[in-house]
PDB file of N, CA and C in Angstrom:
ATOM      1  N   UNK A   1       0.808  -1.201   0.000  1.00  0.00           N
ATOM      2  CA  UNK A   1       0.000   0.000   0.000  1.00  0.00           C
ATOM      3  C   UNK A   1       0.854   1.271   0.000  1.00  0.00           C
ATOM      4  N   UNK A   2       2.138   1.140  -0.152  1.00  0.00           N
ATOM      5  CA  UNK A   2       2.980   2.331  -0.120  1.00  0.00           C
ATOM      6  C   UNK A   2       2.954   3.103  -1.438  1.00  0.00           C
ATOM      7  N   UNK A   3       2.420   2.483  -2.499  1.00  0.00           N
ATOM      8  CA  UNK A   3       2.361   3.157  -3.794  1.00  0.00           C
ATOM      9  C   UNK A   3       0.960   3.664  -4.125  1.00  0.00           C
ATOM     10  N   UNK A   4       0.082   3.760  -3.154  1.00  0.00           N
ATOM     11  CA  UNK A   4      -1.306   4.105  -3.446  1.00  0.00           C
ATOM     12  C   UNK A   4      -1.435   5.517  -4.019  1.00  0.00           C
ATOM     13  N   UNK A   5      -0.620   6.464  -3.573  1.00  0.00           N
ATOM     14  CA  UNK A   5      -0.709   7.822  -4.109  1.00  0.00           C
ATOM     15  C   UNK A   5      -0.135   7.895  -5.517  1.00  0.00           C
ATOM     16  N   UNK A   6       0.862   7.087  -5.802  1.00  0.00           N
ATOM     17  CA  UNK A   6       1.407   7.034  -7.156  1.00  0.00           C
ATOM     18  C   UNK A   6       0.381   6.458  -8.119  1.00  0.00           C
ATOM     19  N   UNK A   7      -0.280   5.404  -7.701  1.00  0.00           N
ATOM     20  CA  UNK A   7      -1.314   4.787  -8.536  1.00  0.00           C
ATOM     21  C   UNK A   7      -2.469   5.755  -8.747  1.00  0.00           C
ATOM     22  N   UNK A   8      -2.897   6.422  -7.703  1.00  0.00           N
ATOM     23  CA  UNK A   8      -4.001   7.378  -7.810  1.00  0.00           C
ATOM     24  C   UNK A   8      -3.642   8.545  -8.722  1.00  0.00           C
ATOM     25  N   UNK A   9      -2.448   9.078  -8.581  1.00  0.00           N
ATOM     26  CA  UNK A   9      -2.061  10.222  -9.415  1.00  0.00           C
ATOM     27  C   UNK A   9      -1.894   9.815 -10.875  1.00  0.00           C
ATOM     28  N   UNK A  10      -1.349   8.641 -11.140  1.00  0.00           N
ATOM     29  CA  UNK A  10      -1.210   8.180 -12.524  1.00  0.00           C
ATOM     30  C   UNK A  10      -2.562   7.905 -13.161  1.00  0.00           C
ATOM     31  N   UNK A  11      -3.475   7.326 -12.408  1.00  0.00           N
ATOM     32  CA  UNK A  11      -4.816   7.062 -12.926  1.00  0.00           C
ATOM     33  C   UNK A  11      -5.557   8.365 -13.204  1.00  0.00           C
ATOM     34  N   UNK A  12      -5.443   9.313 -12.304  1.00  0.00           N
ATOM     35  CA  UNK A  12      -6.093  10.609 -12.490  1.00  0.00           C
ATOM     36  C   UNK A  12      -5.514  11.343 -13.692  1.00  0.00           C
ATOM     37  N   UNK A  13      -4.215  11.342 -13.830  1.00  0.00           N
ATOM     38  CA  UNK A  13      -3.566  11.997 -14.964  1.00  0.00           C
ATOM     39  C   UNK A  13      -3.947  11.330 -16.280  1.00  0.00           C
ATOM     40  N   UNK A  14      -4.007  10.006 -16.291  1.00  0.00           N
ATOM     41  CA  UNK A  14      -4.413   9.289 -17.499  1.00  0.00           C
ATOM     42  C   UNK A  14      -5.841   9.598 -17.904  1.00  0.00           C
ATOM     43  N   UNK A  15      -6.730   9.678 -16.936  1.00  0.00           N
ATOM     44  CA  UNK A  15      -8.126  10.026 -17.228  1.00  0.00           C
ATOM     45  C   UNK A  15      -8.240  11.453 -17.749  1.00  0.00           C
ATOM     46  N   UNK A  16      -7.496  12.360 -17.158  1.00  0.00           N
ATOM     47  CA  UNK A  16      -7.510  13.749 -17.612  1.00  0.00           C
ATOM     48  C   UNK A  16      -7.005  13.868 -19.047  1.00  0.00           C
ATOM     49  N   UNK A  17      -5.927  13.184 -19.365  1.00  0.00           N
ATOM     50  CA  UNK A  17      -5.376  13.254 -20.716  1.00  0.00           C
ATOM     51  C   UNK A  17      -6.298  12.605 -21.739  1.00  0.00           C
ATOM     52  N   UNK A  18      -6.970  11.522 -21.369  1.00  0.00           N
ATOM     53  CA  UNK A  18      -7.923  10.893 -22.287  1.00  0.00           C
ATOM     54  C   UNK A  18      -9.090  11.825 -22.575  1.00  0.00           C
ATOM     55  N   UNK A  19      -9.591  12.506 -21.557  1.00  0.00           N
ATOM     56  CA  UNK A  19     -10.678  13.468 -21.762  1.00  0.00           C
ATOM     57  C   UNK A  19     -10.211  14.646 -22.607  1.00  0.00           C
ATOM     58  N   UNK A  20      -9.001  15.110 -22.381  1.00  0.00           N
ATOM     59  CA  UNK A  20      -8.453  16.217 -23.160  1.00  0.00           C
ATOM     60  C   UNK A  20      -8.281  15.823 -24.623  1.00  0.00           C
ATOM     61  N   UNK A  21      -7.774  14.623 -24.875  1.00  0.00           N
ATOM     62  CA  UNK A  21      -7.606  14.159 -26.250  1.00  0.00           C
ATOM     63  C   UNK A  21      -8.946  14.025 -26.962  1.00  0.00           C
ATOM     64  N   UNK A  22      -9.953  13.525 -26.264  1.00  0.00           N
ATOM     65  CA  UNK A  22     -11.285  13.422 -26.860  1.00  0.00           C
ATOM     66  C   UNK A  22     -11.853  14.781 -27.214  1.00  0.00           C
ATOM     67  N   UNK A  23     -11.612  15.766 -26.357  1.00  0.00           N
ATOM     68  CA  UNK A  23     -12.069  17.125 -26.629  1.00  0.00           C
ATOM     69  C   UNK A  23     -11.357  17.712 -27.841  1.00  0.00           C
ATOM     70  N   UNK A  24     -10.073  17.451 -27.964  1.00  0.00           N
ATOM     71  CA  UNK A  24      -9.314  17.948 -29.110  1.00  0.00           C
ATOM     72  C   UNK A  24      -9.852  17.359 -30.406  1.00  0.00           C
ATOM     73  N   UNK A  25     -10.181  16.081 -30.402  1.00  0.00           N
ATOM     74  CA  UNK A  25     -10.731  15.451 -31.602  1.00  0.00           C
ATOM     75  C   UNK A  25     -12.088  16.051 -31.943  1.00  0.00           C
ATOM     76  N   UNK A  26     -12.944  16.260 -30.955  1.00  0.00           N
ATOM     77  CA  UNK A  26     -14.262  16.843 -31.225  1.00  0.00           C
ATOM     78  C   UNK A  26     -14.153  18.256 -31.787  1.00  0.00           C
ATOM     79  N   UNK A  27     -13.226  19.043 -31.275  1.00  0.00           N
ATOM     80  CA  UNK A  27     -13.046  20.403 -31.770  1.00  0.00           C
ATOM     81  C   UNK A  27     -12.493  20.401 -33.191  1.00  0.00           C
ATOM     82  N   UNK A  28     -11.634  19.458 -33.515  1.00  0.00           N
ATOM     83  CA  UNK A  28     -11.001  19.434 -34.832  1.00  0.00           C
ATOM     84  C   UNK A  28     -11.800  18.670 -35.882  1.00  0.00           C
ATOM     85  N   UNK A  29     -12.979  18.162 -35.543  1.00  0.00           N
ATOM     86  CA  UNK A  29     -13.775  17.411 -36.523  1.00  0.00           C
ATOM     87  C   UNK A  29     -14.108  18.201 -37.789  1.00  0.00           C
ATOM     88  N   UNK A  30     -14.476  19.477 -37.716  1.00  0.00           N
ATOM     89  CA  UNK A  30     -14.737  20.194 -38.973  1.00  0.00           C
ATOM     90  C   UNK A  30     -13.531  20.238 -39.911  1.00  0.00           C
ATOM     91  N   UNK A  31     -12.343  20.409 -39.356  1.00  0.00           N
ATOM     92  CA  UNK A  31     -11.136  20.443 -40.178  1.00  0.00           C
ATOM     93  C   UNK A  31     -10.843  19.057 -40.747  1.00  0.00           C
ATOM     94  N   UNK A  32     -11.084  18.025 -39.965  1.00  0.00           N
ATOM     95  CA  UNK A  32     -10.875  16.656 -40.443  1.00  0.00           C
ATOM     96  C   UNK A  32     -11.827  16.353 -41.589  1.00  0.00           C
ATOM     97  N   UNK A  33     -13.102  16.728 -41.438  1.00  0.00           N
ATOM     98  CA  UNK A  33     -14.071  16.511 -42.509  1.00  0.00           C
ATOM     99  C   UNK A  33     -13.688  17.289 -43.760  1.00  0.00           C
ATOM    100  N   UNK A  34     -13.219  18.522 -43.594  1.00  0.00           N
ATOM    101  CA  UNK A  34     -12.807  19.324 -44.751  1.00  0.00           C
ATOM    102  C   UNK A  34     -11.611  18.682 -45.446  1.00  0.00           C
ATOM    103  N   UNK A  35     -10.683  18.159 -44.673  1.00  0.00           N
ATOM    104  CA  UNK A  35      -9.524  17.485 -45.251  1.00  0.00           C
ATOM    105  C   UNK A  35      -9.889  16.222 -46.003  1.00  0.00           C
ATOM    106  N   UNK A  36     -10.934  15.542 -45.544  1.00  0.00           N
ATOM    107  CA  UNK A  36     -11.399  14.335 -46.227  1.00  0.00           C
ATOM    108  C   UNK A  36     -12.323  14.655 -47.392  1.00  0.00           C
ATOM    109  N   UNK A  37     -12.752  15.913 -47.498  1.00  0.00           N
ATOM    110  CA  UNK A  37     -13.662  16.302 -48.564  1.00  0.00           C
ATOM    111  C   UNK A  37     -15.075  15.797 -48.347  1.00  0.00           C
ATOM    112  N   UNK A  38     -15.512  15.756 -47.093  1.00  0.00           N
ATOM    113  CA  UNK A  38     -16.830  15.229 -46.740  1.00  0.00           C
ATOM    114  C   UNK A  38     -17.657  16.359 -46.128  1.00  0.00           C
ATOM    115  N   UNK A  39     -18.940  16.424 -46.487  1.00  0.00           N
ATOM    116  CA  UNK A  39     -19.849  17.402 -45.891  1.00  0.00           C
ATOM    117  C   UNK A  39     -20.302  16.871 -44.530  1.00  0.00           C
ATOM    118  N   UNK A  40     -19.958  17.553 -43.433  1.00  0.00           N
ATOM    119  CA  UNK A  40     -20.305  17.025 -42.108  1.00  0.00           C
ATOM    120  C   UNK A  40     -21.795  17.024 -41.808  1.00  0.00           C
ATOM    121  N   UNK A  41     -22.586  17.791 -42.563  1.00  0.00           N
ATOM    122  CA  UNK A  41     -24.019  17.867 -42.301  1.00  0.00           C
ATOM    123  C   UNK A  41     -24.836  16.944 -43.188  1.00  0.00           C
ATOM    124  N   UNK A  42     -24.185  16.233 -44.083  1.00  0.00           N
ATOM    125  CA  UNK A  42     -24.900  15.288 -44.938  1.00  0.00           C
ATOM    126  C   UNK A  42     -25.168  14.007 -44.151  1.00  0.00           C
ATOM    127  N   UNK A  43     -26.369  13.453 -44.286  1.00  0.00           N
ATOM    128  CA  UNK A  43     -26.666  12.202 -43.559  1.00  0.00           C
ATOM    129  C   UNK A  43     -25.753  11.044 -43.956  1.00  0.00           C
ATOM    130  N   UNK A  44     -25.231  11.080 -45.164  1.00  0.00           N
ATOM    131  CA  UNK A  44     -24.363   9.983 -45.606  1.00  0.00           C
ATOM    132  C   UNK A  44     -22.991  10.020 -44.934  1.00  0.00           C
ATOM    133  N   UNK A  45     -22.637  11.113 -44.278  1.00  0.00           N
ATOM    134  CA  UNK A  45     -21.331  11.200 -43.623  1.00  0.00           C
ATOM    135  C   UNK A  45     -21.367  10.726 -42.173  1.00  0.00           C
ATOM    136  N   UNK A  46     -22.527  10.308 -41.692  1.00  0.00           N
ATOM    137  CA  UNK A  46     -22.638   9.831 -40.312  1.00  0.00           C
ATOM    138  C   UNK A  46     -21.739   8.621 -40.035  1.00  0.00           C
ATOM    139  N   UNK A  47     -21.677   7.621 -40.932  1.00  0.00           N
ATOM    140  CA  UNK A  47     -20.750   6.501 -40.664  1.00  0.00           C
ATOM    141  C   UNK A  47     -19.289   6.934 -40.574  1.00  0.00           C
ATOM    142  N   UNK A  48     -18.907   7.939 -41.344  1.00  0.00           N
ATOM    143  CA  UNK A  48     -17.527   8.434 -41.266  1.00  0.00           C
ATOM    144  C   UNK A  48     -17.271   9.059 -39.895  1.00  0.00           C
ATOM    145  N   UNK A  49     -18.248   9.806 -39.401  1.00  0.00           N
ATOM    146  CA  UNK A  49     -18.126  10.401 -38.068  1.00  0.00           C
ATOM    147  C   UNK A  49     -17.964   9.321 -37.003  1.00  0.00           C
ATOM    148  N   UNK A  50     -18.767   8.284 -37.091  1.00  0.00           N
ATOM    149  CA  UNK A  50     -18.682   7.187 -36.116  1.00  0.00           C
ATOM    150  C   UNK A  50     -17.322   6.499 -36.199  1.00  0.00           C
ATOM    151  N   UNK A  51     -16.839   6.241 -37.416  1.00  0.00           N
ATOM    152  CA  UNK A  51     -15.533   5.610 -37.574  1.00  0.00           C
ATOM    153  C   UNK A  51     -14.421   6.482 -36.998  1.00  0.00           C
ATOM    154  N   UNK A  52     -14.508   7.786 -37.200  1.00  0.00           N
ATOM    155  CA  UNK A  52     -13.481   8.677 -36.659  1.00  0.00           C
ATOM    156  C   UNK A  52     -13.469   8.662 -35.135  1.00  0.00           C
ATOM    157  N   UNK A  53     -14.636   8.786 -34.536  1.00  0.00           N
ATOM    158  CA  UNK A  53     -14.693   8.842 -33.070  1.00  0.00           C
ATOM    159  C   UNK A  53     -14.316   7.514 -32.425  1.00  0.00           C
ATOM    160  N   UNK A  54     -14.854   6.428 -32.949  1.00  0.00           N
ATOM    161  CA  UNK A  54     -14.542   5.120 -32.363  1.00  0.00           C
ATOM    162  C   UNK A  54     -13.112   4.689 -32.673  1.00  0.00           C
ATOM    163  N   UNK A  55     -12.645   4.989 -33.874  1.00  0.00           N
ATOM    164  CA  UNK A  55     -11.273   4.641 -34.240  1.00  0.00           C
ATOM    165  C   UNK A  55     -10.252   5.375 -33.393  1.00  0.00           C
ATOM    166  N   UNK A  56     -10.531   6.623 -33.086  1.00  0.00           N
ATOM    167  CA  UNK A  56      -9.614   7.364 -32.229  1.00  0.00           C
ATOM    168  C   UNK A  56      -9.644   6.824 -30.803  1.00  0.00           C
ATOM    169  N   UNK A  57     -10.826   6.450 -30.351  1.00  0.00           N
ATOM    170  CA  UNK A  57     -10.942   5.923 -28.993  1.00  0.00           C
ATOM    171  C   UNK A  57     -10.198   4.619 -28.783  1.00  0.00           C
ATOM    172  N   UNK A  58     -10.081   3.852 -29.828  1.00  0.00           N
ATOM    173  CA  UNK A  58      -9.382   2.568 -29.727  1.00  0.00           C
ATOM    174  C   UNK A  58      -7.901   2.830 -29.720  1.00  0.00           C
TER     175      UNK A  58
END
């Protein structure tokens, strides 16, 4: 139990960075769609959005 604060701080930092990375991807989605040449508001681009979000999460 002597490493409990190290484990807690590493887990907290990892969770914070994962949330930050997810936020960065959500903010940059319009630029990603523009780079792919896809209209983000078209219903046919919904599968691309899902692939981007889930692929990044993996």
